Amino acid sequence: MSEVLREEYTFYIKLGGVRAEIACEKEGDELRVVSSYTPEEYRGRGLATKIMKEVVAYTKKNNLDIVPECSFAVHYCSEHEC
């Protein structure tokens, strides 16, 4: 699998001409996880989970509170430490 990259507050993995991504918005000391997307042909491979792990690591490194808003992030944070 490819590495997780970041453009401002969007974390993503390049998949040829498309990408799987998790978009966030920073507000004060919070990083809100607002959406996630994986192209249909790449779903079920753990890409969103890999990206979300990087989002969580970024928030810890930068002393930010994570606020899961999209359904994937809510589910992920209900099963993992966020």
N, C-alpha and C. Protein backbone atom coordinates (compact mmCIF):
# COMPACT_ATOMS: atom_id res chain seq x y z
N MET A 1 0.83 -1.19 0.00
CA MET A 1 0.00 0.00 0.00
C MET A 1 0.87 1.24 0.00
N SER A 2 0.35 2.28 -0.55
CA SER A 2 1.07 3.54 -0.63
C SER A 2 1.08 4.24 0.71
N GLU A 3 1.96 5.24 0.79
CA GLU A 3 2.05 6.01 2.03
C GLU A 3 0.92 7.04 2.11
N VAL A 4 0.63 7.45 3.33
CA VAL A 4 -0.39 8.48 3.55
C VAL A 4 0.28 9.84 3.41
N LEU A 5 -0.30 10.68 2.56
CA LEU A 5 0.19 12.03 2.32
C LEU A 5 -0.79 13.02 2.91
N ARG A 6 -0.35 14.30 3.00
CA ARG A 6 -1.23 15.32 3.58
C ARG A 6 -1.10 16.61 2.81
N GLU A 7 -2.24 17.23 2.51
CA GLU A 7 -2.32 18.58 1.96
C GLU A 7 -3.15 19.37 2.96
N GLU A 8 -2.51 20.25 3.69
CA GLU A 8 -3.16 21.00 4.76
C GLU A 8 -3.86 20.03 5.69
N TYR A 9 -5.20 19.95 5.69
CA TYR A 9 -5.91 19.05 6.60
C TYR A 9 -6.66 17.95 5.87
N THR A 10 -6.19 17.59 4.68
CA THR A 10 -6.72 16.44 3.96
C THR A 10 -5.61 15.40 3.89
N PHE A 11 -5.92 14.20 4.37
CA PHE A 11 -4.97 13.09 4.39
C PHE A 11 -5.41 12.11 3.31
N TYR A 12 -4.46 11.59 2.53
CA TYR A 12 -4.87 10.76 1.39
C TYR A 12 -3.79 9.76 0.98
N ILE A 13 -4.21 8.79 0.20
CA ILE A 13 -3.33 7.81 -0.43
C ILE A 13 -3.59 7.90 -1.92
N LYS A 14 -2.52 8.07 -2.70
CA LYS A 14 -2.65 8.09 -4.16
C LYS A 14 -2.90 6.68 -4.68
N LEU A 15 -3.84 6.58 -5.60
CA LEU A 15 -4.21 5.29 -6.19
C LEU A 15 -4.26 5.46 -7.71
N GLY A 16 -3.11 5.63 -8.31
CA GLY A 16 -3.08 5.91 -9.74
C GLY A 16 -3.63 7.30 -9.98
N GLY A 17 -4.68 7.41 -10.78
CA GLY A 17 -5.26 8.72 -11.08
C GLY A 17 -6.32 9.18 -10.09
N VAL A 18 -6.60 8.38 -9.06
CA VAL A 18 -7.59 8.74 -8.05
C VAL A 18 -6.94 8.64 -6.67
N ARG A 19 -7.72 8.95 -5.63
CA ARG A 19 -7.16 8.81 -4.29
C ARG A 19 -8.25 8.53 -3.26
N ALA A 20 -7.85 7.84 -2.21
CA ALA A 20 -8.70 7.66 -1.03
C ALA A 20 -8.31 8.78 -0.09
N GLU A 21 -9.30 9.39 0.57
CA GLU A 21 -8.96 10.53 1.42
C GLU A 21 -9.89 10.69 2.60
N ILE A 22 -9.37 11.37 3.60
CA ILE A 22 -10.14 11.81 4.75
C ILE A 22 -9.89 13.30 4.87
N ALA A 23 -10.98 14.07 4.82
CA ALA A 23 -10.89 15.53 4.90
C ALA A 23 -11.23 15.99 6.31
N CYS A 24 -10.42 16.92 6.80
CA CYS A 24 -10.60 17.47 8.14
C CYS A 24 -10.62 18.99 8.08
N GLU A 25 -11.13 19.57 9.13
CA GLU A 25 -11.13 21.03 9.28
C GLU A 25 -10.62 21.34 10.68
N LYS A 26 -9.68 22.29 10.77
CA LYS A 26 -9.13 22.68 12.07
C LYS A 26 -9.88 23.89 12.59
N GLU A 27 -10.32 23.78 13.84
CA GLU A 27 -10.97 24.89 14.52
C GLU A 27 -10.38 24.98 15.91
N GLY A 28 -9.55 25.98 16.13
CA GLY A 28 -8.89 26.12 17.44
C GLY A 28 -8.02 24.92 17.73
N ASP A 29 -8.30 24.26 18.85
CA ASP A 29 -7.53 23.08 19.26
C ASP A 29 -8.19 21.77 18.83
N GLU A 30 -9.12 21.86 17.88
CA GLU A 30 -9.83 20.67 17.42
C GLU A 30 -9.57 20.41 15.94
N LEU A 31 -9.48 19.13 15.60
CA LEU A 31 -9.43 18.73 14.20
C LEU A 31 -10.69 17.92 13.95
N ARG A 32 -11.61 18.48 13.18
CA ARG A 32 -12.89 17.85 12.87
C ARG A 32 -12.72 16.97 11.63
N VAL A 33 -13.07 15.71 11.75
CA VAL A 33 -13.01 14.78 10.62
C VAL A 33 -14.38 14.83 9.94
N VAL A 34 -14.42 15.52 8.79
CA VAL A 34 -15.72 15.83 8.18
C VAL A 34 -16.15 14.89 7.05
N SER A 35 -15.21 14.23 6.39
CA SER A 35 -15.61 13.30 5.33
C SER A 35 -14.51 12.30 5.03
N SER A 36 -14.93 11.17 4.48
CA SER A 36 -13.97 10.15 4.02
C SER A 36 -14.49 9.61 2.69
N TYR A 37 -13.55 9.25 1.84
CA TYR A 37 -13.93 8.71 0.54
C TYR A 37 -12.86 7.74 0.05
N THR A 38 -13.31 6.58 -0.40
CA THR A 38 -12.45 5.61 -1.07
C THR A 38 -13.16 5.20 -2.35
N PRO A 39 -12.48 5.28 -3.50
CA PRO A 39 -13.11 4.84 -4.75
C PRO A 39 -13.62 3.40 -4.61
N GLU A 40 -14.76 3.15 -5.20
CA GLU A 40 -15.44 1.86 -5.04
C GLU A 40 -14.53 0.66 -5.31
N GLU A 41 -13.72 0.75 -6.34
CA GLU A 41 -12.87 -0.39 -6.70
C GLU A 41 -11.75 -0.66 -5.69
N TYR A 42 -11.52 0.26 -4.75
CA TYR A 42 -10.47 0.10 -3.74
C TYR A 42 -11.04 -0.14 -2.35
N ARG A 43 -12.34 -0.21 -2.20
CA ARG A 43 -12.96 -0.40 -0.89
C ARG A 43 -12.70 -1.80 -0.36
N GLY A 44 -12.71 -1.92 0.96
CA GLY A 44 -12.50 -3.22 1.61
C GLY A 44 -11.05 -3.62 1.75
N ARG A 45 -10.14 -2.70 1.51
CA ARG A 45 -8.70 -2.99 1.59
C ARG A 45 -8.03 -2.33 2.80
N GLY A 46 -8.82 -1.67 3.63
CA GLY A 46 -8.25 -1.04 4.82
C GLY A 46 -7.61 0.31 4.59
N LEU A 47 -7.86 0.92 3.44
CA LEU A 47 -7.22 2.20 3.13
C LEU A 47 -7.70 3.31 4.06
N ALA A 48 -9.00 3.40 4.30
CA ALA A 48 -9.52 4.45 5.19
C ALA A 48 -8.98 4.27 6.61
N THR A 49 -8.86 3.03 7.05
CA THR A 49 -8.30 2.77 8.38
C THR A 49 -6.85 3.23 8.44
N LYS A 50 -6.09 2.94 7.41
CA LYS A 50 -4.69 3.36 7.38
C LYS A 50 -4.60 4.89 7.43
N ILE A 51 -5.44 5.56 6.67
CA ILE A 51 -5.44 7.03 6.67
C ILE A 51 -5.86 7.55 8.04
N MET A 52 -6.90 6.96 8.62
CA MET A 52 -7.40 7.43 9.91
C MET A 52 -6.35 7.29 11.00
N LYS A 53 -5.54 6.25 10.94
CA LYS A 53 -4.44 6.09 11.91
C LYS A 53 -3.49 7.27 11.81
N GLU A 54 -3.23 7.76 10.61
CA GLU A 54 -2.36 8.92 10.43
C GLU A 54 -3.02 10.20 10.94
N VAL A 55 -4.33 10.32 10.75
CA VAL A 55 -5.06 11.48 11.29
C VAL A 55 -4.92 11.50 12.81
N VAL A 56 -5.13 10.36 13.45
CA VAL A 56 -5.02 10.27 14.90
C VAL A 56 -3.60 10.60 15.35
N ALA A 57 -2.60 10.06 14.66
CA ALA A 57 -1.20 10.35 15.01
C ALA A 57 -0.91 11.85 14.87
N TYR A 58 -1.44 12.47 13.84
CA TYR A 58 -1.25 13.91 13.62
C TYR A 58 -1.86 14.71 14.76
N THR A 59 -3.06 14.34 15.20
CA THR A 59 -3.70 15.09 16.29
C THR A 59 -2.91 14.94 17.58
N LYS A 60 -2.39 13.76 17.84
CA LYS A 60 -1.61 13.56 19.07
C LYS A 60 -0.31 14.35 19.01
N LYS A 61 0.36 14.31 17.87
CA LYS A 61 1.64 15.02 17.71
C LYS A 61 1.45 16.53 17.86
N ASN A 62 0.31 17.03 17.44
CA ASN A 62 0.06 18.47 17.44
C ASN A 62 -0.88 18.93 18.57
N ASN A 63 -1.08 18.05 19.55
CA ASN A 63 -1.91 18.37 20.73
C ASN A 63 -3.29 18.89 20.35
N LEU A 64 -3.93 18.21 19.41
CA LEU A 64 -5.27 18.58 18.97
C LEU A 64 -6.27 17.53 19.44
N ASP A 65 -7.48 17.97 19.70
CA ASP A 65 -8.57 17.04 20.01
C ASP A 65 -9.22 16.64 18.69
N ILE A 66 -9.48 15.36 18.54
CA ILE A 66 -10.13 14.89 17.32
C ILE A 66 -11.65 14.87 17.54
N VAL A 67 -12.37 15.38 16.55
CA VAL A 67 -13.84 15.41 16.61
C VAL A 67 -14.36 14.65 15.39
N PRO A 68 -14.75 13.39 15.58
CA PRO A 68 -15.26 12.62 14.45
C PRO A 68 -16.67 13.06 14.07
N GLU A 69 -16.85 13.44 12.82
CA GLU A 69 -18.17 13.87 12.35
C GLU A 69 -18.72 12.96 11.25
N CYS A 70 -17.86 12.50 10.35
CA CYS A 70 -18.36 11.61 9.29
C CYS A 70 -18.57 10.21 9.88
N SER A 71 -19.42 9.43 9.24
CA SER A 71 -19.79 8.12 9.79
C SER A 71 -18.60 7.19 9.96
N PHE A 72 -17.64 7.22 9.03
CA PHE A 72 -16.48 6.35 9.17
C PHE A 72 -15.67 6.72 10.40
N ALA A 73 -15.42 8.01 10.60
CA ALA A 73 -14.63 8.46 11.76
C ALA A 73 -15.34 8.14 13.07
N VAL A 74 -16.65 8.32 13.10
CA VAL A 74 -17.42 7.99 14.31
C VAL A 74 -17.26 6.51 14.62
N HIS A 75 -17.42 5.67 13.61
CA HIS A 75 -17.26 4.22 13.79
C HIS A 75 -15.84 3.88 14.23
N TYR A 76 -14.84 4.43 13.55
CA TYR A 76 -13.44 4.15 13.88
C TYR A 76 -13.16 4.52 15.33
N CYS A 77 -13.57 5.71 15.74
CA CYS A 77 -13.27 6.18 17.10
C CYS A 77 -14.07 5.44 18.17
N SER A 78 -15.15 4.78 17.78
CA SER A 78 -15.89 3.97 18.75
C SER A 78 -15.17 2.66 19.04
N GLU A 79 -14.26 2.27 18.13
CA GLU A 79 -13.54 1.01 18.29
C GLU A 79 -12.05 1.17 18.58
N HIS A 80 -11.52 2.38 18.42
CA HIS A 80 -10.10 2.64 18.62
C HIS A 80 -9.93 3.90 19.46
N GLU A 81 -8.74 4.05 20.02
CA GLU A 81 -8.46 5.25 20.80
C GLU A 81 -8.23 6.42 19.85
N CYS A 82 -9.04 7.44 19.99
CA CYS A 82 -8.88 8.66 19.19
C CYS A 82 -8.58 9.79 20.14
